[in-house]
Protein backbone atom coordinates (compact mmCIF):
# COMPACT_ATOMS: atom_id res chain seq x y z
CA TYR A 1 256.35 230.91 117.02
CA CYS A 2 258.29 233.16 114.70
CA THR A 3 258.59 236.82 113.75
CA VAL A 4 259.95 238.16 110.47
CA MET A 5 260.49 241.79 109.45
CA GLY A 6 261.95 243.26 106.28
CA SER A 7 261.34 243.28 102.55
CA ILE A 8 261.41 240.81 99.67
CA SER A 9 261.60 241.80 96.02
CA GLY A 10 262.41 240.05 92.79
CA SER A 11 261.07 238.29 89.73
CA ASN A 12 260.53 234.76 91.09
CA LYS A 13 257.23 233.04 91.90
CA ARG A 14 256.14 232.07 95.43
CA TYR A 15 257.28 234.74 97.84
CA GLY A 16 256.00 234.69 101.42
CA GLY A 17 256.94 236.41 104.65
CA ILE A 18 257.59 233.06 106.38
CA THR A 19 257.93 230.65 103.43
CA GLY A 20 257.57 230.75 99.69
CA THR A 21 255.64 227.48 99.56
CA MET A 22 254.46 224.46 101.54
CA GLN A 23 254.42 221.76 98.86
CA THR A 24 256.25 218.62 100.00
CA THR A 25 254.81 217.51 103.35
CA ALA A 26 251.66 218.61 105.16
CA GLY A 27 252.47 220.94 108.01
CA THR A 28 251.29 223.83 110.14
CA ILE A 29 252.47 227.42 110.39
CA SER A 30 251.14 228.68 113.71
CA HIS A 31 251.44 231.84 115.82
CA CYS A 32 253.79 233.60 113.38
CA THR A 33 254.05 237.33 112.71
CA SER A 34 255.27 238.76 109.42
CA SER A 35 255.87 242.46 108.88
CA VAL A 36 257.28 242.19 105.38
CA THR A 37 256.85 244.27 102.25
CA ILE A 38 256.80 241.99 99.19
CA SER A 39 257.11 243.21 95.61
CA SER A 40 257.42 241.05 92.53
CA THR A 41 257.66 241.64 88.82
CA VAL A 42 256.25 238.26 87.73
CA SER A 43 253.68 238.46 84.95
CA GLY A 44 250.88 235.92 85.45
CA GLU A 45 250.79 233.50 88.39
CA ALA A 46 252.88 235.16 91.13
CA LEU A 47 251.75 233.36 94.36
CA LEU A 48 252.58 236.03 96.94
CA GLY A 49 251.45 236.05 100.58
CA GLY A 50 252.30 237.75 103.85
CA ILE A 51 252.81 234.35 105.51
CA ALA A 52 253.19 231.91 102.58
CA GLY A 53 253.18 232.25 98.81
CA SER A 54 251.32 228.96 98.41
CA VAL A 55 250.01 226.13 100.60
CA GLU A 56 249.60 223.10 98.36
CA ILE A 57 249.44 219.92 100.46
CA THR A 58 246.14 218.52 101.78
CA GLY A 59 246.02 218.78 105.56
CA SER A 60 248.31 221.83 105.77
CA LYS A 61 247.27 224.72 108.03
CA VAL A 62 248.12 228.36 108.60
CA GLU A 63 246.63 229.43 111.92
CA TYR A 64 246.83 232.25 114.46
CA CYS A 65 249.16 234.28 112.25
CA THR A 66 249.37 238.02 111.68
CA ALA A 67 250.78 239.76 108.61
CA SER A 68 251.26 243.40 107.78
CA GLY A 69 253.09 245.18 104.99
CA ASN A 70 252.13 245.77 101.39
CA ILE A 71 252.22 242.95 98.84
CA THR A 72 252.30 244.04 95.19
CA ASP A 73 252.77 242.77 91.67
CA ALA A 74 251.02 244.92 89.08
CA ASP A 75 250.90 242.10 86.50
CA GLY A 76 250.69 239.15 88.93
CA THR A 77 247.82 236.96 90.11
CA LYS A 78 247.09 234.93 93.27
CA ILE A 79 248.16 237.51 95.81
CA GLY A 80 246.88 237.37 99.40
CA GLY A 81 247.58 239.13 102.65
CA ILE A 82 248.07 235.77 104.39
CA VAL A 83 248.53 233.22 101.55
CA GLY A 84 248.70 233.72 97.79
CA SER A 85 247.03 230.42 96.89
CA THR A 86 245.75 227.31 98.70
CA SER A 87 244.86 223.88 97.37
CA SER A 88 241.85 221.82 98.36
CA GLY A 89 242.11 220.39 101.87
CA CYS A 90 244.17 223.27 103.31
CA THR A 91 242.96 225.41 106.22
CA ILE A 92 243.56 229.09 107.00
CA ASP A 93 242.16 229.94 110.46
CA ASN A 94 242.28 232.86 112.91
CA CYS A 95 244.65 235.01 110.85
CA THR A 96 244.82 238.81 110.54
CA TYR A 97 246.17 240.99 107.74
CA THR A 98 246.63 244.76 108.03
CA GLY A 99 248.22 245.86 104.79
CA THR A 100 247.38 246.21 101.13
CA ALA A 101 247.56 243.28 98.70
CA SER A 102 247.40 244.27 95.04
CA GLY A 103 247.80 242.54 91.71
CA SER A 104 246.09 242.14 88.35
CA SER A 105 243.54 239.50 89.51
CA LEU A 106 242.81 236.88 92.21
CA THR A 107 243.92 239.31 94.92
CA ASN A 108 242.39 239.31 98.41
CA PRO A 109 243.22 240.43 101.96
CA ILE A 110 243.38 236.81 103.20
CA VAL A 111 243.89 234.30 100.33
CA GLY A 112 244.22 235.34 96.70
CA ASN A 113 243.12 232.01 95.23
CA LYS A 114 241.19 230.00 97.82
CA GLY A 115 241.16 226.23 97.42
CA ASP A 116 239.34 225.40 100.63
CA SER A 117 238.64 226.57 104.20
CA VAL A 118 239.19 230.13 105.45
CA THR A 119 237.63 230.78 108.87
CA ASN A 120 237.72 233.43 111.60
CA CYS A 121 240.10 235.73 109.72
CA THR A 122 240.28 239.54 109.69
CA PRO A 123 239.44 241.27 107.47
CA SER A 124 236.62 238.87 106.70
CA ASP A 125 236.38 240.01 103.05
CA GLN A 126 237.24 236.68 101.40
CA ASN A 127 236.44 235.53 97.87
CA ASP A 128 234.16 232.49 97.91
């Protein structure tokens, strides 16, 4: 369990309210709350998410998490309210986002660039 509040801004890739990326060992982020405003000035692949910027290892999970706060990068892609981008074999389950995620493309309230399973999340508007 964890709770994070505040703001993150800059010009790097992979910003998240809890972690920038999960890319070394499969793991689980569970029952976390992030109330973080994230703004980036990256042009192209930004990988921004309310919980994690990217989840890249097969078997990794983000579950029972809540994120709020606006996430923006006018020229960036792969921006999600929960996770910016997931790889195949990753699971996002029972998560809620109550903010605005905006970027130039591949932007969604749950996962900006979905590699695999997104279930039971709110809002349910997920790109397939």
